[in-house]
Amino acid sequence: MARILVVDDANADRQLVGHILKRDPEWTVSFAENGSVALERIAEEAPDVVLTDLQMPEMNGLQLVEAVNERHPLVPVILMTAAGSEEIAVESLRLGAASYVAKKQLVHGLRDVINSVLAASQEDRSHAEIMNCITSSETAIVIATESSLLQALLKYLRQMLLSVSQLEKSDRVRIGVALEESLLNAFYHGNLEVSSELRAEDDSAYYALADQRRQELPYSQRQIFVNIHHSKDVFQVTIRDDGPGFDPATLPDPTDPANLGRPSGRGVMLMRTFLDEVHYNDRGNEVTMIRRLQNTDEDSD
């Protein structure tokens, strides 16, 4: 059972979000009308995730992200963005928010975003103890374009992040979200060539086309290749698909707040916000994501 705290000063928006979330019987939903009240609720209820609007009186979403990151670093925060709040949203992602969803995409996208963040934050603690003992590793993985294998790979990557002892839990969640976005891009946009624009127009048609193409050539024979390097200095993941690739320069600039609500570029935005470096190959079917790590042994000298 996951506990979700919804923070929004508009009663109509709280009701809309509550209606969407309560469709899942495994979620318990509570509400707060601004950031100040939200902090009181977090201390009382210990929610698994906070879903917050940005523009609010007394304490806005940016201030709430800062406060939660400082006082409750294990609680991930998801932003609900609206037109006019893009610059604050970008700054909130930089300050510690785990993800975002545009208000105009709440009906079709909200539950997926929450599931992604919850999955990234709810790791097995007993597994974490042994994973924290790993100091260096090299891993190469190849999977077919199958949903079950994709989910298994995501779970493996989240568990592998537990071995990165230099990262705070909030950073592990954020990097896990970024890795999931990259894998989904490789799966749907790369190998199956299904566009973000279709999902924005018709969510059901998007997944129906993906299901159809998984049974057809050449899509059914394509694979996803993942290489992971972890040492005391760096955590690096390279993800490549068998699709035709694309020119990353054609994407709307993901660092421009004006593009935050666009259906394309979401994954690139999160990757570039949560990782230190993001590089594409010339073909555009391979991305390398790098997080530099602080050597705690050297810091203690």
C-alpha atoms as a PDB file:
ATOM      1  CA  MET A   1       0.000   0.000   0.000  1.00  0.00           C
ATOM      2  CA  ALA A   2       1.560   3.308  -1.119  1.00  0.00           C
ATOM      3  CA  ARG A   3       0.724   6.613   0.561  1.00  0.00           C
ATOM      4  CA  ILE A   4       0.534   9.631  -1.758  1.00  0.00           C
ATOM      5  CA  LEU A   5       0.262  13.236  -0.571  1.00  0.00           C
ATOM      6  CA  VAL A   6      -1.268  15.650  -3.111  1.00  0.00           C
ATOM      7  CA  VAL A   7      -0.407  19.324  -2.639  1.00  0.00           C
ATOM      8  CA  ASP A   8      -2.422  21.929  -4.571  1.00  0.00           C
ATOM      9  CA  ASP A   9      -4.153  25.155  -3.536  1.00  0.00           C
ATOM     10  CA  ALA A  10      -6.953  24.665  -6.104  1.00  0.00           C
ATOM     11  CA  ASN A  11      -9.736  22.457  -4.767  1.00  0.00           C
ATOM     12  CA  ALA A  12     -10.854  21.458  -8.286  1.00  0.00           C
ATOM     13  CA  ASP A  13      -7.354  20.247  -9.156  1.00  0.00           C
ATOM     14  CA  ARG A  14      -7.073  18.315  -5.888  1.00  0.00           C
ATOM     15  CA  GLN A  15     -10.362  16.574  -6.665  1.00  0.00           C
ATOM     16  CA  LEU A  16      -9.237  15.736 -10.218  1.00  0.00           C
ATOM     17  CA  VAL A  17      -5.930  14.279  -9.065  1.00  0.00           C
ATOM     18  CA  GLY A  18      -7.633  12.411  -6.229  1.00  0.00           C
ATOM     19  CA  HIS A  19     -10.107  10.880  -8.672  1.00  0.00           C
ATOM     20  CA  ILE A  20      -7.264   9.675 -10.923  1.00  0.00           C
ATOM     21  CA  LEU A  21      -5.202   8.235  -8.088  1.00  0.00           C
ATOM     22  CA  LYS A  22      -8.027   6.519  -6.245  1.00  0.00           C
ATOM     23  CA  ARG A  23      -8.568   4.256  -9.241  1.00  0.00           C
ATOM     24  CA  ASP A  24      -5.667   2.248  -7.835  1.00  0.00           C
ATOM     25  CA  PRO A  25      -6.841   0.363  -4.716  1.00  0.00           C
ATOM     26  CA  GLU A  26      -3.217   0.011  -3.576  1.00  0.00           C
ATOM     27  CA  TRP A  27      -2.820   3.772  -3.131  1.00  0.00           C
ATOM     28  CA  THR A  28      -3.945   5.846  -0.153  1.00  0.00           C
ATOM     29  CA  VAL A  29      -4.352   9.524  -1.020  1.00  0.00           C
ATOM     30  CA  SER A  30      -4.267  12.548   1.309  1.00  0.00           C
ATOM     31  CA  PHE A  31      -4.271  16.261   0.521  1.00  0.00           C
ATOM     32  CA  ALA A  32      -2.697  19.573   1.517  1.00  0.00           C
ATOM     33  CA  GLU A  33      -3.593  23.030   0.198  1.00  0.00           C
ATOM     34  CA  ASN A  34      -0.063  24.491   0.286  1.00  0.00           C
ATOM     35  CA  GLY A  35       3.546  23.657   1.046  1.00  0.00           C
ATOM     36  CA  SER A  36       3.432  24.645   4.702  1.00  0.00           C
ATOM     37  CA  VAL A  37       0.543  22.282   5.420  1.00  0.00           C
ATOM     38  CA  ALA A  38       2.264  19.616   3.311  1.00  0.00           C
ATOM     39  CA  LEU A  39       5.353  19.660   5.537  1.00  0.00           C
ATOM     40  CA  GLU A  40       3.162  19.073   8.584  1.00  0.00           C
ATOM     41  CA  ARG A  41       1.441  16.160   6.835  1.00  0.00           C
ATOM     42  CA  ILE A  42       4.751  14.643   5.756  1.00  0.00           C
ATOM     43  CA  ALA A  43       5.989  14.678   9.353  1.00  0.00           C
ATOM     44  CA  GLU A  44       2.733  13.073  10.529  1.00  0.00           C
ATOM     45  CA  GLU A  45       1.998  10.590   7.745  1.00  0.00           C
ATOM     46  CA  ALA A  46       5.409   9.725   6.197  1.00  0.00           C
ATOM     47  CA  PRO A  47       4.043   9.442   2.617  1.00  0.00           C
ATOM     48  CA  ASP A  48       5.818   7.329   0.019  1.00  0.00           C
ATOM     49  CA  VAL A  49       5.635  10.126  -2.562  1.00  0.00           C
ATOM     50  CA  VAL A  50       4.559  13.782  -2.691  1.00  0.00           C
ATOM     51  CA  LEU A  51       2.759  15.135  -5.754  1.00  0.00           C
ATOM     52  CA  THR A  52       2.771  18.935  -5.781  1.00  0.00           C
ATOM     53  CA  ASP A  53       1.618  21.904  -7.804  1.00  0.00           C
ATOM     54  CA  LEU A  54       4.184  24.648  -8.370  1.00  0.00           C
ATOM     55  CA  GLN A  55       2.211  27.891  -8.030  1.00  0.00           C
ATOM     56  CA  MET A  56       0.810  28.074  -4.474  1.00  0.00           C
ATOM     57  CA  PRO A  57       0.535  30.708  -1.718  1.00  0.00           C
ATOM     58  CA  GLU A  58       2.663  30.689   1.466  1.00  0.00           C
ATOM     59  CA  MET A  59       5.094  28.060   0.161  1.00  0.00           C
ATOM     60  CA  ASN A  60       5.271  27.231  -3.535  1.00  0.00           C
ATOM     61  CA  GLY A  61       6.379  23.986  -5.132  1.00  0.00           C
ATOM     62  CA  LEU A  62      10.010  25.084  -5.498  1.00  0.00           C
ATOM     63  CA  GLN A  63      10.248  25.937  -1.803  1.00  0.00           C
ATOM     64  CA  LEU A  64       8.519  22.667  -0.899  1.00  0.00           C
ATOM     65  CA  VAL A  65      11.018  20.631  -2.936  1.00  0.00           C
ATOM     66  CA  GLU A  66      13.895  22.349  -1.107  1.00  0.00           C
ATOM     67  CA  ALA A  67      12.312  21.772   2.301  1.00  0.00           C
ATOM     68  CA  VAL A  68      11.461  18.111   1.653  1.00  0.00           C
ATOM     69  CA  ASN A  69      14.923  17.433   0.241  1.00  0.00           C
ATOM     70  CA  GLU A  70      16.445  18.906   3.413  1.00  0.00           C
ATOM     71  CA  ARG A  71      14.085  17.502   6.062  1.00  0.00           C
ATOM     72  CA  HIS A  72      12.826  14.274   4.456  1.00  0.00           C
ATOM     73  CA  PRO A  73      15.419  13.216   1.839  1.00  0.00           C
ATOM     74  CA  LEU A  74      13.896   9.742   1.461  1.00  0.00           C
ATOM     75  CA  VAL A  75      10.532  11.128   0.266  1.00  0.00           C
ATOM     76  CA  PRO A  76      10.488  11.726  -3.534  1.00  0.00           C
ATOM     77  CA  VAL A  77       8.607  14.742  -4.896  1.00  0.00           C
ATOM     78  CA  ILE A  78       6.821  14.818  -8.274  1.00  0.00           C
ATOM     79  CA  LEU A  79       5.873  18.154  -9.830  1.00  0.00           C
ATOM     80  CA  MET A  80       2.623  18.998 -11.601  1.00  0.00           C
ATOM     81  CA  THR A  81       3.486  21.660 -14.165  1.00  0.00           C
ATOM     82  CA  ALA A  82       1.217  24.130 -15.913  1.00  0.00           C
ATOM     83  CA  ALA A  83       1.767  26.808 -18.549  1.00  0.00           C
ATOM     84  CA  GLY A  84       3.717  29.679 -17.014  1.00  0.00           C
ATOM     85  CA  SER A  85       5.520  27.587 -14.390  1.00  0.00           C
ATOM     86  CA  GLU A  86       8.176  26.048 -16.616  1.00  0.00           C
ATOM     87  CA  GLU A  87      11.191  27.934 -15.217  1.00  0.00           C
ATOM     88  CA  ILE A  88      10.281  27.034 -11.626  1.00  0.00           C
ATOM     89  CA  ALA A  89       9.794  23.414 -12.686  1.00  0.00           C
ATOM     90  CA  VAL A  90      13.258  23.212 -14.230  1.00  0.00           C
ATOM     91  CA  GLU A  91      14.809  24.710 -11.090  1.00  0.00           C
ATOM     92  CA  SER A  92      12.854  22.262  -8.897  1.00  0.00           C
ATOM     93  CA  LEU A  93      14.227  19.305 -10.864  1.00  0.00           C
ATOM     94  CA  ARG A  94      17.725  20.645 -10.300  1.00  0.00           C
ATOM     95  CA  LEU A  95      17.074  21.055  -6.584  1.00  0.00           C
ATOM     96  CA  GLY A  96      15.873  17.527  -5.970  1.00  0.00           C
ATOM     97  CA  ALA A  97      12.438  16.773  -7.465  1.00  0.00           C
ATOM     98  CA  ALA A  98      12.215  13.173  -8.703  1.00  0.00           C
ATOM     99  CA  SER A  99      10.063  13.751 -11.802  1.00  0.00           C
ATOM    100  CA  TYR A 100       7.277  15.859 -13.303  1.00  0.00           C
ATOM    101  CA  VAL A 101       4.018  15.553 -15.206  1.00  0.00           C
ATOM    102  CA  ALA A 102       2.246  18.305 -17.137  1.00  0.00           C
ATOM    103  CA  LYS A 103      -1.231  19.107 -15.805  1.00  0.00           C
ATOM    104  CA  LYS A 104      -2.691  18.725 -19.276  1.00  0.00           C
ATOM    105  CA  GLN A 105      -1.357  15.138 -19.300  1.00  0.00           C
ATOM    106  CA  LEU A 106      -2.588  14.100 -15.835  1.00  0.00           C
ATOM    107  CA  VAL A 107      -5.317  11.738 -17.041  1.00  0.00           C
ATOM    108  CA  HIS A 108      -3.017   9.689 -19.295  1.00  0.00           C
ATOM    109  CA  GLY A 109       0.401  10.184 -17.709  1.00  0.00           C
ATOM    110  CA  LEU A 110       0.097  10.699 -13.956  1.00  0.00           C
ATOM    111  CA  ARG A 111      -0.223   7.089 -12.812  1.00  0.00           C
ATOM    112  CA  ASP A 112       2.711   5.973 -14.979  1.00  0.00           C
ATOM    113  CA  VAL A 113       4.949   8.675 -13.513  1.00  0.00           C
ATOM    114  CA  ILE A 114       3.984   7.791  -9.929  1.00  0.00           C
ATOM    115  CA  ASN A 115       4.523   4.079 -10.556  1.00  0.00           C
ATOM    116  CA  SER A 116       7.955   4.850 -11.982  1.00  0.00           C
ATOM    117  CA  VAL A 117       9.001   6.924  -8.974  1.00  0.00           C
ATOM    118  CA  LEU A 118       7.562   4.451  -6.465  1.00  0.00           C
ATOM    119  CA  ALA A 119       9.346   1.554  -8.132  1.00  0.00           C
ATOM    120  CA  ALA A 120      12.622   3.458  -8.070  1.00  0.00           C
ATOM    121  CA  SER A 121      12.283   4.376  -4.378  1.00  0.00           C
ATOM    122  CA  GLN A 122      10.964   1.146  -2.844  1.00  0.00           C
ATOM    123  CA  GLU A 123      14.055  -1.055  -2.937  1.00  0.00           C
ATOM    124  CA  ASP A 124      14.733  -4.183  -0.937  1.00  0.00           C
ATOM    125  CA  ARG A 125      16.733  -3.035   2.117  1.00  0.00           C
ATOM    126  CA  SER A 126      18.275  -6.430   2.848  1.00  0.00           C
ATOM    127  CA  HIS A 127      19.549  -6.587  -0.740  1.00  0.00           C
ATOM    128  CA  ALA A 128      20.976  -3.072  -0.306  1.00  0.00           C
ATOM    129  CA  GLU A 129      23.312  -4.200   2.482  1.00  0.00           C
ATOM    130  CA  ILE A 130      25.260  -6.611   0.281  1.00  0.00           C
ATOM    131  CA  MET A 131      25.071  -4.381  -2.793  1.00  0.00           C
ATOM    132  CA  ASN A 132      26.731  -1.579  -0.825  1.00  0.00           C
ATOM    133  CA  CYS A 133      29.822  -3.780  -0.493  1.00  0.00           C
ATOM    134  CA  ILE A 134      30.487  -3.713  -4.249  1.00  0.00           C
ATOM    135  CA  THR A 135      33.315  -1.303  -5.158  1.00  0.00           C
ATOM    136  CA  SER A 136      33.693  -1.929  -8.915  1.00  0.00           C
ATOM    137  CA  SER A 137      31.772  -3.785 -11.612  1.00  0.00           C
ATOM    138  CA  GLU A 138      31.342  -4.108 -15.380  1.00  0.00           C
ATOM    139  CA  THR A 139      28.089  -5.505 -16.772  1.00  0.00           C
ATOM    140  CA  ALA A 140      26.830  -6.070 -20.323  1.00  0.00           C
ATOM    141  CA  ILE A 141      23.168  -6.972 -20.949  1.00  0.00           C
ATOM    142  CA  VAL A 142      21.242  -7.712 -24.158  1.00  0.00           C
ATOM    143  CA  ILE A 143      17.455  -8.109 -24.158  1.00  0.00           C
ATOM    144  CA  ALA A 144      14.820  -8.636 -26.808  1.00  0.00           C
ATOM    145  CA  THR A 145      12.090  -6.025 -27.239  1.00  0.00           C
ATOM    146  CA  GLU A 146       9.742  -7.715 -24.763  1.00  0.00           C
ATOM    147  CA  SER A 147       7.841  -5.929 -21.989  1.00  0.00           C
ATOM    148  CA  SER A 148       8.624  -8.581 -19.354  1.00  0.00           C
ATOM    149  CA  LEU A 149      12.352  -8.363 -20.062  1.00  0.00           C
ATOM    150  CA  LEU A 150      12.216  -4.578 -19.965  1.00  0.00           C
ATOM    151  CA  GLN A 151      10.629  -4.649 -16.503  1.00  0.00           C
ATOM    152  CA  ALA A 152      13.163  -7.224 -15.296  1.00  0.00           C
ATOM    153  CA  LEU A 153      15.999  -5.043 -16.575  1.00  0.00           C
ATOM    154  CA  LEU A 154      14.580  -1.958 -14.834  1.00  0.00           C
ATOM    155  CA  LYS A 155      14.396  -3.883 -11.563  1.00  0.00           C
ATOM    156  CA  TYR A 156      17.993  -5.045 -11.997  1.00  0.00           C
ATOM    157  CA  LEU A 157      19.224  -1.499 -12.645  1.00  0.00           C
ATOM    158  CA  ARG A 158      17.432  -0.189  -9.544  1.00  0.00           C
ATOM    159  CA  GLN A 159      19.069  -2.925  -7.490  1.00  0.00           C
ATOM    160  CA  MET A 160      22.453  -2.146  -9.013  1.00  0.00           C
ATOM    161  CA  LEU A 161      22.070   1.492  -7.972  1.00  0.00           C
ATOM    162  CA  LEU A 162      22.003   0.222  -4.390  1.00  0.00           C
ATOM    163  CA  SER A 163      25.671  -0.699  -4.778  1.00  0.00           C
ATOM    164  CA  VAL A 164      26.589   2.951  -5.391  1.00  0.00           C
ATOM    165  CA  SER A 165      27.248   3.811  -1.750  1.00  0.00           C
ATOM    166  CA  GLN A 166      28.294   7.393  -2.557  1.00  0.00           C
ATOM    167  CA  LEU A 167      24.735   8.242  -3.637  1.00  0.00           C
ATOM    168  CA  GLU A 168      21.958   9.385  -1.323  1.00  0.00           C
ATOM    169  CA  LYS A 169      18.677   7.488  -1.654  1.00  0.00           C
ATOM    170  CA  SER A 170      17.061  10.525  -3.297  1.00  0.00           C
ATOM    171  CA  ASP A 171      19.798  10.494  -5.968  1.00  0.00           C
ATOM    172  CA  ARG A 172      19.296   6.764  -6.552  1.00  0.00           C
ATOM    173  CA  VAL A 173      15.596   7.379  -7.133  1.00  0.00           C
ATOM    174  CA  ARG A 174      16.255  10.244  -9.556  1.00  0.00           C
ATOM    175  CA  ILE A 175      18.896   8.320 -11.507  1.00  0.00           C
ATOM    176  CA  GLY A 176      16.597   5.288 -11.588  1.00  0.00           C
ATOM    177  CA  VAL A 177      13.871   7.453 -13.112  1.00  0.00           C
ATOM    178  CA  ALA A 178      16.314   8.787 -15.721  1.00  0.00           C
ATOM    179  CA  LEU A 179      17.475   5.266 -16.649  1.00  0.00           C
ATOM    180  CA  GLU A 180      13.878   4.139 -17.027  1.00  0.00           C
ATOM    181  CA  GLU A 181      13.143   7.065 -19.347  1.00  0.00           C
ATOM    182  CA  SER A 182      16.155   6.145 -21.487  1.00  0.00           C
ATOM    183  CA  LEU A 183      15.129   2.483 -21.688  1.00  0.00           C
ATOM    184  CA  LEU A 184      11.549   3.393 -22.576  1.00  0.00           C
ATOM    185  CA  ASN A 185      12.884   5.640 -25.335  1.00  0.00           C
ATOM    186  CA  ALA A 186      14.988   2.757 -26.679  1.00  0.00           C
ATOM    187  CA  PHE A 187      12.057   0.335 -26.407  1.00  0.00           C
ATOM    188  CA  TYR A 188       9.180   2.392 -27.832  1.00  0.00           C
ATOM    189  CA  HIS A 189      10.762   5.173 -29.885  1.00  0.00           C
ATOM    190  CA  GLY A 190      13.928   3.358 -30.970  1.00  0.00           C
ATOM    191  CA  ASN A 191      13.120  -0.294 -31.656  1.00  0.00           C
ATOM    192  CA  LEU A 192       9.339   0.016 -32.197  1.00  0.00           C
ATOM    193  CA  GLU A 193       9.443   3.503 -33.779  1.00  0.00           C
ATOM    194  CA  VAL A 194       6.299   4.718 -31.973  1.00  0.00           C
ATOM    195  CA  SER A 195       6.245   8.502 -31.553  1.00  0.00           C
ATOM    196  CA  SER A 196       5.682  10.602 -28.438  1.00  0.00           C
ATOM    197  CA  GLU A 197       3.203  12.711 -30.395  1.00  0.00           C
ATOM    198  CA  LEU A 198       0.912   9.684 -30.842  1.00  0.00           C
ATOM    199  CA  ARG A 199       0.862   9.060 -27.105  1.00  0.00           C
ATOM    200  CA  ALA A 200      -0.041  12.696 -26.450  1.00  0.00           C
ATOM    201  CA  GLU A 201      -2.949  12.389 -28.895  1.00  0.00           C
ATOM    202  CA  ASP A 202      -4.201   8.888 -28.068  1.00  0.00           C
ATOM    203  CA  ASP A 203      -2.673   6.866 -25.238  1.00  0.00           C
ATOM    204  CA  SER A 204      -4.486   3.653 -26.207  1.00  0.00           C
ATOM    205  CA  ALA A 205      -3.422   3.905 -29.851  1.00  0.00           C
ATOM    206  CA  TYR A 206       0.195   4.395 -28.751  1.00  0.00           C
ATOM    207  CA  TYR A 207       0.330   1.118 -26.820  1.00  0.00           C
ATOM    208  CA  ALA A 208      -1.774  -0.735 -29.391  1.00  0.00           C
ATOM    209  CA  LEU A 209       0.684   0.157 -32.152  1.00  0.00           C
ATOM    210  CA  ALA A 210       3.593  -0.898 -29.915  1.00  0.00           C
ATOM    211  CA  ASP A 211       1.924  -4.271 -29.233  1.00  0.00           C
ATOM    212  CA  GLN A 212       1.306  -4.766 -32.949  1.00  0.00           C
ATOM    213  CA  ARG A 213       4.872  -3.975 -33.941  1.00  0.00           C
ATOM    214  CA  ARG A 214       6.345  -6.340 -31.357  1.00  0.00           C
ATOM    215  CA  GLN A 215       4.895  -9.145 -33.515  1.00  0.00           C
ATOM    216  CA  GLU A 216       6.108  -7.769 -36.870  1.00  0.00           C
ATOM    217  CA  LEU A 217       9.387  -7.640 -38.739  1.00  0.00           C
ATOM    218  CA  PRO A 218      11.796  -5.913 -38.482  1.00  0.00           C
ATOM    219  CA  TYR A 219      10.698  -4.659 -35.044  1.00  0.00           C
ATOM    220  CA  SER A 220      10.349  -8.109 -33.456  1.00  0.00           C
ATOM    221  CA  GLN A 221      14.022  -8.973 -34.052  1.00  0.00           C
ATOM    222  CA  ARG A 222      15.462  -5.807 -32.559  1.00  0.00           C
ATOM    223  CA  GLN A 223      17.336  -5.806 -29.253  1.00  0.00           C
ATOM    224  CA  ILE A 224      18.402  -3.380 -26.526  1.00  0.00           C
ATOM    225  CA  PHE A 225      22.051  -3.345 -25.422  1.00  0.00           C
ATOM    226  CA  VAL A 226      23.052  -2.047 -21.987  1.00  0.00           C
ATOM    227  CA  ASN A 227      26.591  -1.599 -20.660  1.00  0.00           C
ATOM    228  CA  ILE A 228      27.130  -0.562 -17.043  1.00  0.00           C
ATOM    229  CA  HIS A 229      30.404   0.593 -15.496  1.00  0.00           C
ATOM    230  CA  HIS A 230      30.623   1.293 -11.780  1.00  0.00           C
ATOM    231  CA  SER A 231      33.784   2.242  -9.916  1.00  0.00           C
ATOM    232  CA  LYS A 232      34.620   4.443  -6.938  1.00  0.00           C
ATOM    233  CA  ASP A 233      34.710   7.482  -9.245  1.00  0.00           C
ATOM    234  CA  VAL A 234      31.864   7.035 -11.716  1.00  0.00           C
ATOM    235  CA  PHE A 235      28.594   5.293 -12.478  1.00  0.00           C
ATOM    236  CA  GLN A 236      28.093   5.048 -16.243  1.00  0.00           C
ATOM    237  CA  VAL A 237      25.325   3.443 -18.294  1.00  0.00           C
ATOM    238  CA  THR A 238      25.231   3.146 -22.090  1.00  0.00           C
ATOM    239  CA  ILE A 239      21.953   2.121 -23.749  1.00  0.00           C
ATOM    240  CA  ARG A 240      21.716   1.284 -27.464  1.00  0.00           C
ATOM    241  CA  ASP A 241      18.779   0.136 -29.569  1.00  0.00           C
ATOM    242  CA  ASP A 242      18.538  -1.408 -33.048  1.00  0.00           C
ATOM    243  CA  GLY A 243      16.262   1.309 -34.407  1.00  0.00           C
ATOM    244  CA  PRO A 244      17.116   3.744 -37.198  1.00  0.00           C
ATOM    245  CA  GLY A 245      18.215   6.393 -34.701  1.00  0.00           C
ATOM    246  CA  PHE A 246      17.498  10.102 -34.814  1.00  0.00           C
ATOM    247  CA  ASP A 247      19.255  13.434 -34.809  1.00  0.00           C
ATOM    248  CA  PRO A 248      19.232  14.667 -31.173  1.00  0.00           C
ATOM    249  CA  ALA A 249      19.577  18.203 -32.517  1.00  0.00           C
ATOM    250  CA  THR A 250      16.027  17.973 -33.871  1.00  0.00           C
ATOM    251  CA  LEU A 251      14.550  17.623 -30.381  1.00  0.00           C
ATOM    252  CA  PRO A 252      13.172  20.765 -28.724  1.00  0.00           C
ATOM    253  CA  ASP A 253      15.848  22.069 -26.372  1.00  0.00           C
ATOM    254  CA  PRO A 254      15.035  20.126 -23.160  1.00  0.00           C
ATOM    255  CA  THR A 255      16.789  22.758 -21.042  1.00  0.00           C
ATOM    256  CA  ASP A 256      14.412  25.467 -22.307  1.00  0.00           C
ATOM    257  CA  PRO A 257      11.519  25.786 -19.823  1.00  0.00           C
ATOM    258  CA  ALA A 258       9.173  26.622 -22.700  1.00  0.00           C
ATOM    259  CA  ASN A 259       9.509  23.027 -23.941  1.00  0.00           C
ATOM    260  CA  LEU A 260       8.735  21.322 -20.613  1.00  0.00           C
ATOM    261  CA  GLY A 261       5.184  20.371 -21.589  1.00  0.00           C
ATOM    262  CA  ARG A 262       6.039  18.979 -25.036  1.00  0.00           C
ATOM    263  CA  PRO A 263       5.467  15.232 -25.550  1.00  0.00           C
ATOM    264  CA  SER A 264       8.964  14.747 -26.971  1.00  0.00           C
ATOM    265  CA  GLY A 265      12.140  15.444 -25.033  1.00  0.00           C
ATOM    266  CA  ARG A 266      10.840  14.448 -21.581  1.00  0.00           C
ATOM    267  CA  GLY A 267      13.380  11.659 -21.171  1.00  0.00           C
ATOM    268  CA  VAL A 268      16.252  13.855 -22.345  1.00  0.00           C
ATOM    269  CA  MET A 269      15.211  16.560 -19.869  1.00  0.00           C
ATOM    270  CA  LEU A 270      15.287  14.132 -16.926  1.00  0.00           C
ATOM    271  CA  MET A 271      18.525  12.486 -18.041  1.00  0.00           C
ATOM    272  CA  ARG A 272      20.351  15.792 -18.399  1.00  0.00           C
ATOM    273  CA  THR A 273      18.961  17.070 -15.104  1.00  0.00           C
ATOM    274  CA  PHE A 274      19.763  13.991 -13.003  1.00  0.00           C
ATOM    275  CA  LEU A 275      23.084  12.930 -14.594  1.00  0.00           C
ATOM    276  CA  ASP A 276      26.341  14.855 -14.924  1.00  0.00           C
ATOM    277  CA  GLU A 277      26.885  14.017 -18.595  1.00  0.00           C
ATOM    278  CA  VAL A 278      24.636  12.714 -21.383  1.00  0.00           C
ATOM    279  CA  HIS A 279      26.103  11.892 -24.803  1.00  0.00           C
ATOM    280  CA  TYR A 280      24.528  10.460 -27.994  1.00  0.00           C
ATOM    281  CA  ASN A 281      26.395   8.685 -30.770  1.00  0.00           C
ATOM    282  CA  ASP A 282      26.333  10.060 -34.319  1.00  0.00           C
ATOM    283  CA  ARG A 283      23.502   7.745 -35.373  1.00  0.00           C
ATOM    284  CA  GLY A 284      21.333   8.739 -32.413  1.00  0.00           C
ATOM    285  CA  ASN A 285      20.504   5.181 -31.313  1.00  0.00           C
ATOM    286  CA  GLU A 286      22.912   5.092 -28.360  1.00  0.00           C
ATOM    287  CA  VAL A 287      23.067   7.258 -25.256  1.00  0.00           C
ATOM    288  CA  THR A 288      25.740   7.281 -22.553  1.00  0.00           C
ATOM    289  CA  MET A 289      24.815   8.668 -19.127  1.00  0.00           C
ATOM    290  CA  ILE A 290      27.480   9.477 -16.546  1.00  0.00           C
ATOM    291  CA  ARG A 291      27.227  10.304 -12.860  1.00  0.00           C
ATOM    292  CA  ARG A 292      30.539  11.266 -11.275  1.00  0.00           C
ATOM    293  CA  LEU A 293      30.945  10.001  -7.714  1.00  0.00           C
ATOM    294  CA  GLN A 294      32.573  11.557  -4.708  1.00  0.00           C
ATOM    295  CA  ASN A 295      35.209   9.349  -3.072  1.00  0.00           C
ATOM    296  CA  THR A 296      34.151   9.247   0.554  1.00  0.00           C
ATOM    297  CA  ASP A 297      37.463   7.641   1.619  1.00  0.00           C
ATOM    298  CA  GLU A 298      39.448  10.571   0.227  1.00  0.00           C
ATOM    299  CA  ASP A 299      37.063  13.061   1.804  1.00  0.00           C
ATOM    300  CA  SER A 300      37.680  11.587   5.226  1.00  0.00           C
ATOM    301  CA  ASP A 301      41.493  12.009   4.988  1.00  0.00           C
END
